[in-house]
Amino acid sequence: MCLAVPARIVSLEADDQAVIDAGGIRKRVSIALVEGVVPGDYVIVHVGYALARLDPDAAAETLAAMAAAGLEPGELV
C-alpha cells in the first residue's frame, strides 16, 4: 500500500527542492515533478517527492479525515 500525505510548501530551495510542513513537521522534498509551486501551495508528498499540487479545500478535507482517523500527517512523511 502507498500513502501520500498533503503538505504545505513553506519555502523553495535550490535544485528543485522545497521545505514542506506536514502537521508541524518540516521536511525537505523534491518538487521536480510539480511545476510552478509557490510557498503556501499544498502538494501531495510520497517518499520525499511532491507528486501533484492539491486544492487547499481538498487538502483541508483530507487532513480532517486523517485527524478523525487518529493519523498525524507529520508522522507519515
N, C-alpha and C. Protein backbone atom coordinates (compact mmCIF):
# COMPACT_ATOMS: atom_id res chain seq x y z
N MET A 1 0.84 -1.17 0.00
CA MET A 1 0.00 0.00 0.00
C MET A 1 0.89 1.23 0.00
N CYS A 2 0.48 2.25 -0.75
CA CYS A 2 1.19 3.52 -0.79
C CYS A 2 0.34 4.57 -0.11
N LEU A 3 1.00 5.49 0.57
CA LEU A 3 0.28 6.56 1.23
C LEU A 3 0.96 7.88 0.88
N ALA A 4 0.20 8.80 0.32
CA ALA A 4 0.69 10.14 0.04
C ALA A 4 -0.01 11.10 1.00
N VAL A 5 0.72 12.09 1.47
CA VAL A 5 0.23 12.97 2.51
C VAL A 5 0.16 14.42 2.01
N PRO A 6 -0.93 15.13 2.28
CA PRO A 6 -0.98 16.55 1.92
C PRO A 6 -0.02 17.34 2.81
N ALA A 7 0.70 18.27 2.20
CA ALA A 7 1.62 19.12 2.94
C ALA A 7 1.67 20.49 2.29
N ARG A 8 1.97 21.51 3.09
CA ARG A 8 2.04 22.87 2.60
C ARG A 8 3.49 23.24 2.31
N ILE A 9 3.72 23.88 1.16
CA ILE A 9 5.06 24.35 0.81
C ILE A 9 5.38 25.56 1.69
N VAL A 10 6.49 25.48 2.42
CA VAL A 10 6.93 26.57 3.29
C VAL A 10 7.89 27.48 2.54
N SER A 11 8.88 26.87 1.87
CA SER A 11 9.86 27.66 1.13
C SER A 11 10.43 26.83 -0.01
N LEU A 12 10.89 27.54 -1.03
CA LEU A 12 11.54 26.90 -2.16
C LEU A 12 13.04 26.94 -1.94
N GLU A 13 13.72 25.86 -2.30
CA GLU A 13 15.16 25.74 -2.13
C GLU A 13 15.79 25.51 -3.50
N ALA A 14 17.10 25.48 -3.54
CA ALA A 14 17.82 25.22 -4.79
C ALA A 14 17.61 23.78 -5.24
N ASP A 15 17.92 23.52 -6.50
CA ASP A 15 17.91 22.17 -7.06
C ASP A 15 16.56 21.46 -6.95
N ASP A 16 15.47 22.18 -7.29
CA ASP A 16 14.12 21.59 -7.27
C ASP A 16 13.76 20.98 -5.93
N GLN A 17 14.12 21.65 -4.86
CA GLN A 17 13.79 21.21 -3.51
C GLN A 17 12.89 22.26 -2.86
N ALA A 18 12.10 21.81 -1.90
CA ALA A 18 11.27 22.72 -1.11
C ALA A 18 11.18 22.20 0.30
N VAL A 19 10.93 23.08 1.23
CA VAL A 19 10.63 22.69 2.60
C VAL A 19 9.12 22.66 2.72
N ILE A 20 8.60 21.55 3.22
CA ILE A 20 7.15 21.40 3.41
C ILE A 20 6.83 21.31 4.89
N ASP A 21 5.59 21.58 5.22
CA ASP A 21 5.09 21.41 6.58
C ASP A 21 3.95 20.41 6.52
N ALA A 22 4.09 19.35 7.26
CA ALA A 22 3.05 18.31 7.35
C ALA A 22 2.74 18.11 8.82
N GLY A 23 1.68 18.71 9.29
CA GLY A 23 1.29 18.55 10.68
C GLY A 23 2.32 19.06 11.67
N GLY A 24 3.03 20.13 11.32
CA GLY A 24 4.04 20.69 12.21
C GLY A 24 5.44 20.14 12.01
N ILE A 25 5.56 19.10 11.22
CA ILE A 25 6.87 18.53 10.90
C ILE A 25 7.33 19.14 9.59
N ARG A 26 8.54 19.68 9.58
CA ARG A 26 9.09 20.25 8.35
C ARG A 26 10.13 19.31 7.78
N LYS A 27 10.10 19.20 6.47
CA LYS A 27 11.00 18.27 5.78
C LYS A 27 11.31 18.82 4.40
N ARG A 28 12.49 18.53 3.91
CA ARG A 28 12.87 18.92 2.54
C ARG A 28 12.47 17.80 1.60
N VAL A 29 11.79 18.18 0.50
CA VAL A 29 11.35 17.21 -0.50
C VAL A 29 11.67 17.74 -1.89
N SER A 30 11.65 16.85 -2.86
CA SER A 30 11.85 17.23 -4.25
C SER A 30 10.54 17.74 -4.83
N ILE A 31 10.62 18.85 -5.57
CA ILE A 31 9.45 19.36 -6.29
C ILE A 31 9.67 19.26 -7.80
N ALA A 32 10.60 18.42 -8.21
CA ALA A 32 10.94 18.28 -9.64
C ALA A 32 9.76 17.78 -10.47
N LEU A 33 8.81 17.10 -9.85
CA LEU A 33 7.68 16.53 -10.60
C LEU A 33 6.47 17.47 -10.68
N VAL A 34 6.55 18.62 -10.00
CA VAL A 34 5.42 19.55 -9.94
C VAL A 34 5.89 20.93 -10.41
N GLU A 35 5.24 21.45 -11.44
CA GLU A 35 5.64 22.75 -11.98
C GLU A 35 4.92 23.90 -11.29
N GLY A 36 5.63 24.99 -11.10
CA GLY A 36 5.03 26.24 -10.69
C GLY A 36 4.51 26.33 -9.27
N VAL A 37 4.98 25.50 -8.36
CA VAL A 37 4.52 25.61 -6.97
C VAL A 37 5.17 26.82 -6.31
N VAL A 38 4.46 27.41 -5.39
CA VAL A 38 4.95 28.55 -4.63
C VAL A 38 4.66 28.31 -3.16
N PRO A 39 5.38 29.01 -2.27
CA PRO A 39 5.08 28.87 -0.85
C PRO A 39 3.59 29.13 -0.58
N GLY A 40 3.01 28.28 0.25
CA GLY A 40 1.59 28.35 0.55
C GLY A 40 0.77 27.33 -0.20
N ASP A 41 1.29 26.83 -1.33
CA ASP A 41 0.58 25.78 -2.08
C ASP A 41 0.59 24.48 -1.28
N TYR A 42 -0.44 23.68 -1.49
CA TYR A 42 -0.47 22.33 -0.93
C TYR A 42 -0.10 21.34 -2.02
N VAL A 43 0.67 20.33 -1.62
CA VAL A 43 1.08 19.26 -2.54
C VAL A 43 0.86 17.92 -1.85
N ILE A 44 0.78 16.88 -2.66
CA ILE A 44 0.73 15.52 -2.15
C ILE A 44 2.17 15.01 -2.14
N VAL A 45 2.63 14.51 -0.99
CA VAL A 45 4.01 14.06 -0.83
C VAL A 45 4.05 12.55 -0.58
N HIS A 46 4.93 11.90 -1.31
CA HIS A 46 5.14 10.46 -1.14
C HIS A 46 6.63 10.19 -1.25
N VAL A 47 7.19 9.54 -0.26
CA VAL A 47 8.61 9.16 -0.18
C VAL A 47 9.57 10.26 -0.65
N GLY A 48 9.34 11.48 -0.15
CA GLY A 48 10.26 12.57 -0.42
C GLY A 48 10.04 13.33 -1.71
N TYR A 49 8.95 13.04 -2.41
CA TYR A 49 8.65 13.73 -3.67
C TYR A 49 7.25 14.34 -3.61
N ALA A 50 7.15 15.60 -4.02
CA ALA A 50 5.84 16.20 -4.24
C ALA A 50 5.35 15.67 -5.57
N LEU A 51 4.18 15.05 -5.58
CA LEU A 51 3.66 14.42 -6.79
C LEU A 51 2.70 15.30 -7.57
N ALA A 52 1.93 16.13 -6.87
CA ALA A 52 0.93 16.97 -7.53
C ALA A 52 0.52 18.09 -6.60
N ARG A 53 0.08 19.19 -7.20
CA ARG A 53 -0.48 20.28 -6.42
C ARG A 53 -1.89 19.87 -6.00
N LEU A 54 -2.31 20.33 -4.82
CA LEU A 54 -3.60 19.95 -4.26
C LEU A 54 -4.38 21.21 -3.92
N ASP A 55 -5.65 21.24 -4.28
CA ASP A 55 -6.53 22.34 -3.94
C ASP A 55 -6.57 22.49 -2.41
N PRO A 56 -6.50 23.73 -1.89
CA PRO A 56 -6.50 23.92 -0.43
C PRO A 56 -7.72 23.31 0.26
N ASP A 57 -8.89 23.36 -0.37
CA ASP A 57 -10.08 22.76 0.23
C ASP A 57 -9.95 21.24 0.30
N ALA A 58 -9.43 20.63 -0.75
CA ALA A 58 -9.22 19.18 -0.75
C ALA A 58 -8.18 18.79 0.29
N ALA A 59 -7.13 19.62 0.44
CA ALA A 59 -6.11 19.34 1.44
C ALA A 59 -6.73 19.38 2.84
N ALA A 60 -7.54 20.40 3.12
CA ALA A 60 -8.19 20.53 4.42
C ALA A 60 -9.11 19.34 4.70
N GLU A 61 -9.84 18.92 3.69
CA GLU A 61 -10.75 17.77 3.85
C GLU A 61 -9.97 16.49 4.15
N THR A 62 -8.89 16.28 3.42
CA THR A 62 -8.07 15.08 3.65
C THR A 62 -7.41 15.12 5.02
N LEU A 63 -6.88 16.27 5.41
CA LEU A 63 -6.24 16.39 6.72
C LEU A 63 -7.25 16.18 7.85
N ALA A 64 -8.49 16.67 7.67
CA ALA A 64 -9.53 16.45 8.67
C ALA A 64 -9.88 14.97 8.78
N ALA A 65 -9.98 14.29 7.65
CA ALA A 65 -10.27 12.85 7.66
C ALA A 65 -9.14 12.08 8.33
N MET A 66 -7.90 12.49 8.06
CA MET A 66 -6.76 11.82 8.70
C MET A 66 -6.81 12.04 10.22
N ALA A 67 -7.12 13.26 10.65
CA ALA A 67 -7.20 13.56 12.08
C ALA A 67 -8.31 12.74 12.74
N ALA A 68 -9.45 12.61 12.06
CA ALA A 68 -10.56 11.84 12.60
C ALA A 68 -10.19 10.36 12.76
N ALA A 69 -9.28 9.90 11.91
CA ALA A 69 -8.82 8.51 11.99
C ALA A 69 -7.65 8.35 12.96
N GLY A 70 -7.23 9.47 13.57
CA GLY A 70 -6.13 9.40 14.52
C GLY A 70 -4.75 9.40 13.88
N LEU A 71 -4.68 9.82 12.63
CA LEU A 71 -3.40 9.86 11.93
C LEU A 71 -2.84 11.27 11.93
N GLU A 72 -1.56 11.40 12.21
CA GLU A 72 -0.87 12.68 12.18
C GLU A 72 -0.03 12.73 10.91
N PRO A 73 -0.27 13.71 10.02
CA PRO A 73 0.47 13.77 8.75
C PRO A 73 1.98 13.84 8.96
N GLY A 74 2.42 14.55 9.99
CA GLY A 74 3.84 14.67 10.22
C GLY A 74 4.53 13.35 10.53
N GLU A 75 3.79 12.40 11.06
CA GLU A 75 4.35 11.09 11.36
C GLU A 75 4.50 10.23 10.10
N LEU A 76 3.86 10.66 9.01
CA LEU A 76 3.81 9.84 7.81
C LEU A 76 4.74 10.31 6.69
N VAL A 77 5.33 11.50 6.84
CA VAL A 77 6.22 11.99 5.78
C VAL A 77 7.64 11.57 6.02
